[in-house]
Protein backbone atom coordinates (compact mmCIF):
# COMPACT_ATOMS: atom_id res chain seq x y z
CA UNK A 1 89.47 86.24 140.84
CA UNK A 2 91.67 89.21 141.76
CA UNK A 3 92.00 91.74 138.96
CA UNK A 4 94.55 95.15 139.72
CA UNK A 5 93.61 97.40 136.52
CA UNK A 6 90.59 100.54 137.93
CA UNK A 7 87.33 100.49 136.96
CA UNK A 8 87.23 96.61 135.53
CA UNK A 9 83.79 94.77 135.95
CA UNK A 10 85.10 91.96 138.24
CA UNK A 11 86.52 93.96 140.48
CA UNK A 12 83.23 96.20 140.77
CA UNK A 13 81.87 92.77 140.98
CA UNK A 14 83.49 91.27 143.80
CA UNK A 15 83.01 94.46 145.17
CA UNK A 16 79.73 93.83 145.46
CA UNK A 17 80.29 91.06 146.87
CA UNK A 18 81.62 91.19 148.91
CA UNK A 19 79.30 94.18 150.56
CA UNK A 20 76.56 91.20 151.03
CA UNK A 21 76.21 89.52 154.56
CA UNK A 22 77.21 86.07 154.82
CA UNK A 23 74.04 85.49 155.70
CA UNK A 24 73.37 86.42 151.72
CA UNK A 25 76.67 84.47 150.46
CA UNK A 26 76.07 81.18 152.33
CA UNK A 27 71.41 80.49 151.79
CA UNK A 28 72.64 80.98 147.39
CA UNK A 29 75.03 78.99 147.96
CA UNK A 30 72.67 76.49 149.01
CA UNK A 31 70.25 77.83 147.47
CA UNK A 32 72.70 76.76 144.52
CA UNK A 33 73.50 73.92 145.67
CA UNK A 34 70.40 72.31 146.24
CA UNK A 35 69.17 73.34 142.69
CA UNK A 36 72.23 72.27 140.98
CA UNK A 37 71.01 68.27 142.98
CA UNK A 38 67.41 68.38 141.72
CA UNK A 39 69.00 68.91 138.14
CA UNK A 40 70.74 66.56 138.24
CA UNK A 41 69.27 63.94 140.19
CA UNK A 42 69.80 60.24 138.48
CA UNK A 43 66.77 59.53 140.85
CA UNK A 44 63.85 61.14 139.41
CA UNK A 45 64.05 58.75 136.50
CA UNK A 46 63.78 56.19 138.93
CA UNK A 47 60.09 58.43 140.25
CA UNK A 48 59.29 59.19 136.52
CA UNK A 49 59.21 55.65 135.84
CA UNK A 50 57.33 54.33 139.43
CA UNK A 51 54.81 57.02 138.95
CA UNK A 52 54.20 55.98 135.25
CA UNK A 53 54.26 52.07 136.78
CA UNK A 54 51.33 53.04 139.14
CA UNK A 55 49.66 54.39 136.19
CA UNK A 56 50.19 51.26 135.26
CA UNK A 57 48.20 49.47 137.41
CA UNK A 58 45.68 51.60 137.56
CA UNK A 59 44.87 51.06 134.23
CA UNK A 60 45.08 47.30 134.51
CA UNK A 61 42.60 47.30 137.73
CA UNK A 62 40.34 48.25 134.74
CA UNK A 63 41.01 45.40 132.22
CA UNK A 64 41.48 42.18 134.63
CA UNK A 65 40.05 40.79 131.96
CA UNK A 66 41.52 41.52 129.23
CA UNK A 67 44.89 40.31 130.74
CA UNK A 68 43.16 36.70 131.37
CA UNK A 69 42.01 36.49 127.86
CA UNK A 70 45.81 37.36 126.61
CA UNK A 71 46.39 33.73 126.69
CA UNK A 72 42.28 32.17 125.34
CA UNK A 73 44.65 33.05 121.74
CA UNK A 74 46.96 34.62 119.93
CA UNK A 75 44.58 36.59 117.44
CA UNK A 76 43.22 37.89 121.92
CA UNK A 77 46.08 39.38 122.91
CA UNK A 78 46.49 40.37 119.07
CA UNK A 79 43.35 42.31 119.47
CA UNK A 80 43.74 44.32 122.75
CA UNK A 81 45.94 47.11 122.86
CA UNK A 82 47.08 46.95 126.60
CA UNK A 83 47.88 43.48 126.02
CA UNK A 84 50.15 44.67 122.39
CA UNK A 85 51.96 47.07 123.95
CA UNK A 86 52.59 44.41 127.09
CA UNK A 87 53.62 41.37 124.09
CA UNK A 88 56.12 44.34 122.77
CA UNK A 89 58.06 44.85 126.16
CA UNK A 90 58.30 41.06 126.66
CA UNK A 91 60.07 41.17 122.81
CA UNK A 92 62.32 44.44 124.40
CA UNK A 93 64.03 41.74 126.50
CA UNK A 94 64.42 38.96 123.56
CA UNK A 95 65.45 41.33 121.24
CA UNK A 96 63.28 40.57 118.67
CA UNK A 97 60.54 43.35 119.14
CA UNK A 98 60.88 44.39 114.31
CA UNK A 99 59.12 41.05 113.92
CA UNK A 100 55.56 42.69 115.45
CA UNK A 101 56.65 46.57 114.29
CA UNK A 102 56.99 44.67 110.96
CA UNK A 103 53.06 42.84 111.93
CA UNK A 104 51.46 46.30 113.04
CA UNK A 105 53.76 48.80 110.07
CA UNK A 106 51.36 45.66 108.17
CA UNK A 107 48.12 46.65 109.35
CA UNK A 108 49.05 50.25 109.18
CA UNK A 109 49.85 49.84 105.84
CA UNK A 110 46.55 48.08 105.02
CA UNK A 111 44.23 51.01 106.08
CA UNK A 112 46.29 53.32 103.79
CA UNK A 113 44.45 54.54 100.84
CA UNK A 114 45.95 56.54 99.09
CA UNK A 115 48.14 55.26 96.22
CA UNK A 116 50.91 58.03 95.62
CA UNK A 117 50.79 57.10 99.80
CA UNK A 118 50.61 52.97 99.63
CA UNK A 119 53.64 52.58 96.89
CA UNK A 120 56.03 55.72 99.90
CA UNK A 121 54.79 53.25 103.13
CA UNK A 122 55.26 49.68 101.01
CA UNK A 123 59.02 51.37 100.13
CA UNK A 124 59.57 52.40 103.83
CA UNK A 125 57.73 49.32 104.79
CA UNK A 126 60.59 46.64 102.64
CA UNK A 127 63.86 48.63 104.05
CA UNK A 128 62.90 48.84 107.74
CA UNK A 129 62.00 45.39 108.04
CA UNK A 130 61.97 42.44 104.95
CA UNK A 131 65.15 43.04 101.98
CA UNK A 132 68.52 41.52 103.69
CA UNK A 133 69.88 43.00 105.79
CA UNK A 134 67.38 45.27 106.38
CA UNK A 135 68.34 47.00 110.12
CA UNK A 136 65.51 45.55 110.96
CA UNK A 137 65.52 42.32 109.64
CA UNK A 138 61.80 39.73 109.93
CA UNK A 139 63.06 36.09 110.33
CA UNK A 140 61.20 34.72 106.97
CA UNK A 141 62.52 33.34 104.35
CA UNK A 142 64.29 33.20 101.28
CA UNK A 143 61.45 32.73 99.29
CA UNK A 144 59.41 35.12 101.24
CA UNK A 145 62.30 37.95 100.62
CA UNK A 146 61.59 37.81 96.46
CA UNK A 147 57.90 37.15 96.39
CA UNK A 148 57.85 40.82 98.32
CA UNK A 149 59.94 42.27 96.84
CA UNK A 150 58.49 41.69 93.39
CA UNK A 151 55.42 43.32 94.90
CA UNK A 152 56.67 45.93 95.19
CA UNK A 153 56.27 46.61 91.44
CA UNK A 154 52.75 47.76 91.72
CA UNK A 155 52.38 47.87 95.13
CA UNK A 156 48.84 47.46 96.38
CA UNK A 157 47.55 46.67 100.65
CA UNK A 158 47.98 42.98 100.32
CA UNK A 159 51.77 42.99 99.11
CA UNK A 160 52.96 42.81 102.32
CA UNK A 161 50.55 39.54 103.23
CA UNK A 162 52.79 37.10 103.30
CA UNK A 163 55.69 38.31 105.17
CA UNK A 164 53.46 39.46 107.47
CA UNK A 165 51.50 35.58 107.99
CA UNK A 166 54.79 34.24 108.45
CA UNK A 167 55.94 36.81 110.56
CA UNK A 168 52.53 36.05 112.85
CA UNK A 169 53.11 32.48 112.46
CA UNK A 170 56.99 32.75 114.34
CA UNK A 171 55.46 35.21 117.10
CA UNK A 172 52.65 32.87 118.08
CA UNK A 173 54.37 29.69 117.42
CA UNK A 174 57.50 30.74 119.07
CA UNK A 175 57.72 34.46 121.70
CA UNK A 176 53.69 33.68 122.32
CA UNK A 177 54.19 30.56 123.72
CA UNK A 178 56.87 31.93 126.80
CA UNK A 179 55.00 34.49 126.91
CA UNK A 180 52.36 33.24 128.50
CA UNK A 181 54.90 31.79 130.79
CA UNK A 182 56.98 35.19 131.19
CA UNK A 183 56.71 36.34 135.28
CA UNK A 184 55.66 39.64 134.35
CA UNK A 185 52.89 37.69 132.52
CA UNK A 186 52.10 35.67 135.31
CA UNK A 187 52.60 38.79 137.99
CA UNK A 188 49.16 40.17 135.73
CA UNK A 189 47.12 36.56 135.93
CA UNK A 190 47.25 37.16 139.38
CA UNK A 191 47.31 41.06 139.99
CA UNK A 192 43.98 40.20 137.33
CA UNK A 193 42.36 36.82 139.08
CA UNK A 194 42.69 38.38 143.06
CA UNK A 195 41.01 41.27 142.10
CA UNK A 196 37.62 38.88 140.25
CA UNK A 197 38.24 37.13 143.69
CA UNK A 198 37.37 39.62 146.04
CA UNK A 199 34.72 40.95 143.66
CA UNK A 200 33.30 37.59 144.48
CA UNK A 201 34.14 37.70 148.11
CA UNK A 202 32.11 41.43 148.31
CA UNK A 203 29.27 40.57 146.04
């Protein structure tokens, strides 16, 4: 930048920079380049992801028995926090995680003790998952939808029972068998089985 006006700040800055040794300027440029790469490097996201996968893997080592129990029944899967997380990740690949999210929202809803909170939560859940054309509409029949709508007029902890049961059955009959056959779960069971075998061989 060039300026011929006397007392111009840009001119003073340029003179100041010109007075610096060349090596200082080169180092400053190099540092700027390195910082730019550091802040914009896309690989950083992948490194974070890989570290989280490593952490997940370490947790799995402590729950190999649990992983094998998930295939015993759908109930066993839902009882396990890590099982629910793994199932949720699988449902995302099928774009049907709203079914599990609705089921979990209903479970949380049943624990609500305040009548005021019960009513507001009921409306929120209905608007998000149950009503026709809801943002995350679950796959239930019209009759169940209408029964649930009527239940909202006097919201109790059981007002979503029928809709929740229908959604649970759908997941158990449809998504759960596919989850058990999925490559991700097959890998987890292989790891769990190999760990169990290695433990027995050392005892």
